[in-house]
Amino acid sequence: MIYSGHMTKKFQGYEITEEDIAGTLKYLKTHGRPNVTKEEAIIYLEEKQTTAHVVAHKLVKDEKVSK
């Protein structure tokens, strides 16, 4: 995965909620990880958040290039 310096800090504008964690726990438990912990669910959410951030930047860059 691609990481840059700004990705080591928490993203502003979004904080993971208890509802997010509960939903992620349920998802992971029904998709092959029956013993997943709350901490693992938080890590999973943080990884997905980083991926979404990278993809968003790539999409914006691609749109600018194609114009």
N, C-alpha and C. Protein backbone atom coordinates (compact mmCIF):
# COMPACT_ATOMS: atom_id res chain seq x y z
N MET A 1 0.84 -1.17 0.00
CA MET A 1 0.00 0.00 0.00
C MET A 1 0.88 1.23 0.00
N ILE A 2 0.40 2.30 -0.59
CA ILE A 2 1.14 3.55 -0.69
C ILE A 2 0.81 4.42 0.53
N TYR A 3 1.82 4.89 1.23
CA TYR A 3 1.64 5.78 2.36
C TYR A 3 2.49 7.02 2.15
N SER A 4 2.02 8.14 2.61
CA SER A 4 2.84 9.34 2.60
C SER A 4 2.77 9.96 3.98
N GLY A 5 3.62 10.94 4.24
CA GLY A 5 3.74 11.52 5.56
C GLY A 5 2.45 11.99 6.18
N HIS A 6 1.57 12.62 5.37
CA HIS A 6 0.33 13.14 5.94
C HIS A 6 -0.64 12.05 6.34
N MET A 7 -0.42 10.82 5.90
CA MET A 7 -1.35 9.74 6.21
C MET A 7 -1.10 9.14 7.58
N THR A 8 -0.02 9.53 8.22
CA THR A 8 0.22 9.01 9.56
C THR A 8 -0.59 9.77 10.60
N LYS A 9 -1.16 10.91 10.22
CA LYS A 9 -1.99 11.70 11.11
C LYS A 9 -3.45 11.35 10.85
N LYS A 10 -4.30 11.54 11.87
CA LYS A 10 -5.73 11.29 11.68
C LYS A 10 -6.30 12.29 10.69
N PHE A 11 -7.20 11.81 9.86
CA PHE A 11 -7.85 12.69 8.90
C PHE A 11 -8.80 13.62 9.63
N GLN A 12 -8.82 14.85 9.21
CA GLN A 12 -9.73 15.80 9.83
C GLN A 12 -11.10 15.66 9.18
N GLY A 13 -12.14 15.87 9.96
CA GLY A 13 -13.49 15.83 9.42
C GLY A 13 -14.20 14.50 9.60
N TYR A 14 -13.49 13.47 10.04
CA TYR A 14 -14.14 12.18 10.27
C TYR A 14 -13.48 11.48 11.44
N GLU A 15 -14.28 11.01 12.35
CA GLU A 15 -13.80 10.18 13.44
C GLU A 15 -14.62 8.91 13.47
N ILE A 16 -13.97 7.82 13.70
CA ILE A 16 -14.64 6.53 13.77
C ILE A 16 -15.55 6.51 14.99
N THR A 17 -16.78 6.10 14.80
CA THR A 17 -17.75 6.06 15.90
C THR A 17 -17.92 4.63 16.41
N GLU A 18 -18.56 4.52 17.57
CA GLU A 18 -18.87 3.19 18.12
C GLU A 18 -19.78 2.42 17.16
N GLU A 19 -20.67 3.15 16.48
CA GLU A 19 -21.56 2.51 15.51
C GLU A 19 -20.75 1.94 14.33
N ASP A 20 -19.75 2.68 13.87
CA ASP A 20 -18.88 2.19 12.81
C ASP A 20 -18.16 0.91 13.25
N ILE A 21 -17.65 0.94 14.47
CA ILE A 21 -16.91 -0.21 14.99
C ILE A 21 -17.84 -1.42 15.13
N ALA A 22 -19.04 -1.22 15.65
CA ALA A 22 -19.99 -2.32 15.81
C ALA A 22 -20.35 -2.93 14.46
N GLY A 23 -20.60 -2.08 13.48
CA GLY A 23 -20.92 -2.58 12.14
C GLY A 23 -19.77 -3.33 11.51
N THR A 24 -18.56 -2.84 11.73
CA THR A 24 -17.38 -3.50 11.18
C THR A 24 -17.15 -4.84 11.86
N LEU A 25 -17.33 -4.88 13.17
CA LEU A 25 -17.22 -6.16 13.89
C LEU A 25 -18.20 -7.19 13.32
N LYS A 26 -19.44 -6.77 13.13
CA LYS A 26 -20.46 -7.67 12.58
C LYS A 26 -20.06 -8.15 11.18
N TYR A 27 -19.60 -7.21 10.35
CA TYR A 27 -19.19 -7.56 8.98
C TYR A 27 -18.04 -8.56 9.01
N LEU A 28 -17.00 -8.27 9.78
CA LEU A 28 -15.83 -9.15 9.81
C LEU A 28 -16.17 -10.53 10.37
N LYS A 29 -17.04 -10.55 11.39
CA LYS A 29 -17.43 -11.85 11.98
C LYS A 29 -18.21 -12.71 11.00
N THR A 30 -18.95 -12.08 10.10
CA THR A 30 -19.72 -12.86 9.12
C THR A 30 -18.94 -13.11 7.83
N HIS A 31 -17.72 -12.59 7.76
CA HIS A 31 -16.90 -12.78 6.57
C HIS A 31 -15.55 -13.40 6.92
N GLY A 32 -15.61 -14.46 7.72
CA GLY A 32 -14.43 -15.28 7.94
C GLY A 32 -13.54 -14.91 9.11
N ARG A 33 -13.96 -13.98 9.95
CA ARG A 33 -13.13 -13.62 11.11
C ARG A 33 -13.98 -13.66 12.38
N PRO A 34 -14.42 -14.84 12.79
CA PRO A 34 -15.35 -14.95 13.92
C PRO A 34 -14.77 -14.47 15.26
N ASN A 35 -13.47 -14.42 15.40
CA ASN A 35 -12.85 -14.03 16.66
C ASN A 35 -12.23 -12.63 16.62
N VAL A 36 -12.67 -11.81 15.69
CA VAL A 36 -12.11 -10.47 15.55
C VAL A 36 -12.36 -9.64 16.80
N THR A 37 -11.38 -8.80 17.14
CA THR A 37 -11.51 -7.94 18.33
C THR A 37 -11.89 -6.52 17.91
N LYS A 38 -12.30 -5.74 18.90
CA LYS A 38 -12.63 -4.34 18.66
C LYS A 38 -11.42 -3.60 18.09
N GLU A 39 -10.24 -3.86 18.64
CA GLU A 39 -9.02 -3.21 18.17
C GLU A 39 -8.74 -3.55 16.71
N GLU A 40 -8.96 -4.80 16.33
CA GLU A 40 -8.76 -5.22 14.93
C GLU A 40 -9.77 -4.54 14.01
N ALA A 41 -10.99 -4.35 14.49
CA ALA A 41 -12.01 -3.67 13.70
C ALA A 41 -11.61 -2.21 13.47
N ILE A 42 -11.06 -1.58 14.49
CA ILE A 42 -10.61 -0.19 14.34
C ILE A 42 -9.47 -0.10 13.33
N ILE A 43 -8.53 -1.01 13.39
CA ILE A 43 -7.43 -1.03 12.43
C ILE A 43 -7.97 -1.22 11.02
N TYR A 44 -8.93 -2.11 10.86
CA TYR A 44 -9.56 -2.35 9.56
C TYR A 44 -10.18 -1.06 9.02
N LEU A 45 -10.91 -0.35 9.87
CA LEU A 45 -11.54 0.91 9.46
C LEU A 45 -10.49 1.95 9.08
N GLU A 46 -9.43 2.04 9.85
CA GLU A 46 -8.37 3.01 9.56
C GLU A 46 -7.70 2.70 8.23
N GLU A 47 -7.48 1.41 7.95
CA GLU A 47 -6.87 1.01 6.68
C GLU A 47 -7.78 1.37 5.51
N LYS A 48 -9.07 1.12 5.66
CA LYS A 48 -10.02 1.45 4.59
C LYS A 48 -10.11 2.96 4.39
N GLN A 49 -10.01 3.71 5.47
CA GLN A 49 -10.05 5.16 5.39
C GLN A 49 -8.84 5.67 4.61
N THR A 50 -7.67 5.12 4.86
CA THR A 50 -6.47 5.50 4.14
C THR A 50 -6.60 5.16 2.67
N THR A 51 -7.12 3.98 2.36
CA THR A 51 -7.30 3.58 0.97
C THR A 51 -8.25 4.53 0.25
N ALA A 52 -9.35 4.87 0.89
CA ALA A 52 -10.31 5.79 0.28
C ALA A 52 -9.67 7.16 0.03
N HIS A 53 -8.83 7.61 0.94
CA HIS A 53 -8.16 8.89 0.79
C HIS A 53 -7.23 8.88 -0.42
N VAL A 54 -6.44 7.83 -0.56
CA VAL A 54 -5.52 7.70 -1.69
C VAL A 54 -6.29 7.65 -3.01
N VAL A 55 -7.35 6.87 -3.06
CA VAL A 55 -8.17 6.75 -4.27
C VAL A 55 -8.78 8.09 -4.64
N ALA A 56 -9.27 8.82 -3.67
CA ALA A 56 -9.88 10.13 -3.95
C ALA A 56 -8.86 11.07 -4.58
N HIS A 57 -7.65 11.09 -4.05
CA HIS A 57 -6.62 11.95 -4.62
C HIS A 57 -6.27 11.53 -6.05
N LYS A 58 -6.22 10.23 -6.28
CA LYS A 58 -5.91 9.72 -7.63
C LYS A 58 -7.00 10.11 -8.60
N LEU A 59 -8.26 10.00 -8.19
CA LEU A 59 -9.37 10.36 -9.07
C LEU A 59 -9.33 11.85 -9.44
N VAL A 60 -9.05 12.69 -8.47
CA VAL A 60 -8.97 14.13 -8.73
C VAL A 60 -7.82 14.41 -9.69
N LYS A 61 -6.69 13.79 -9.46
CA LYS A 61 -5.53 13.99 -10.34
C LYS A 61 -5.86 13.53 -11.76
N ASP A 62 -6.47 12.36 -11.89
CA ASP A 62 -6.83 11.83 -13.21
C ASP A 62 -7.82 12.75 -13.93
N GLU A 63 -8.77 13.31 -13.19
CA GLU A 63 -9.74 14.23 -13.80
C GLU A 63 -9.05 15.48 -14.32
N LYS A 64 -8.09 15.99 -13.58
CA LYS A 64 -7.37 17.19 -14.00
C LYS A 64 -6.56 16.92 -15.26
N VAL A 65 -5.95 15.74 -15.34
CA VAL A 65 -5.13 15.37 -16.49
C VAL A 65 -5.99 15.18 -17.73
N SER A 66 -7.18 14.63 -17.58
CA SER A 66 -8.03 14.33 -18.74
C SER A 66 -8.73 15.54 -19.33
N LYS A 67 -8.68 16.69 -18.65
CA LYS A 67 -9.36 17.89 -19.16
C LYS A 67 -8.56 18.59 -20.21
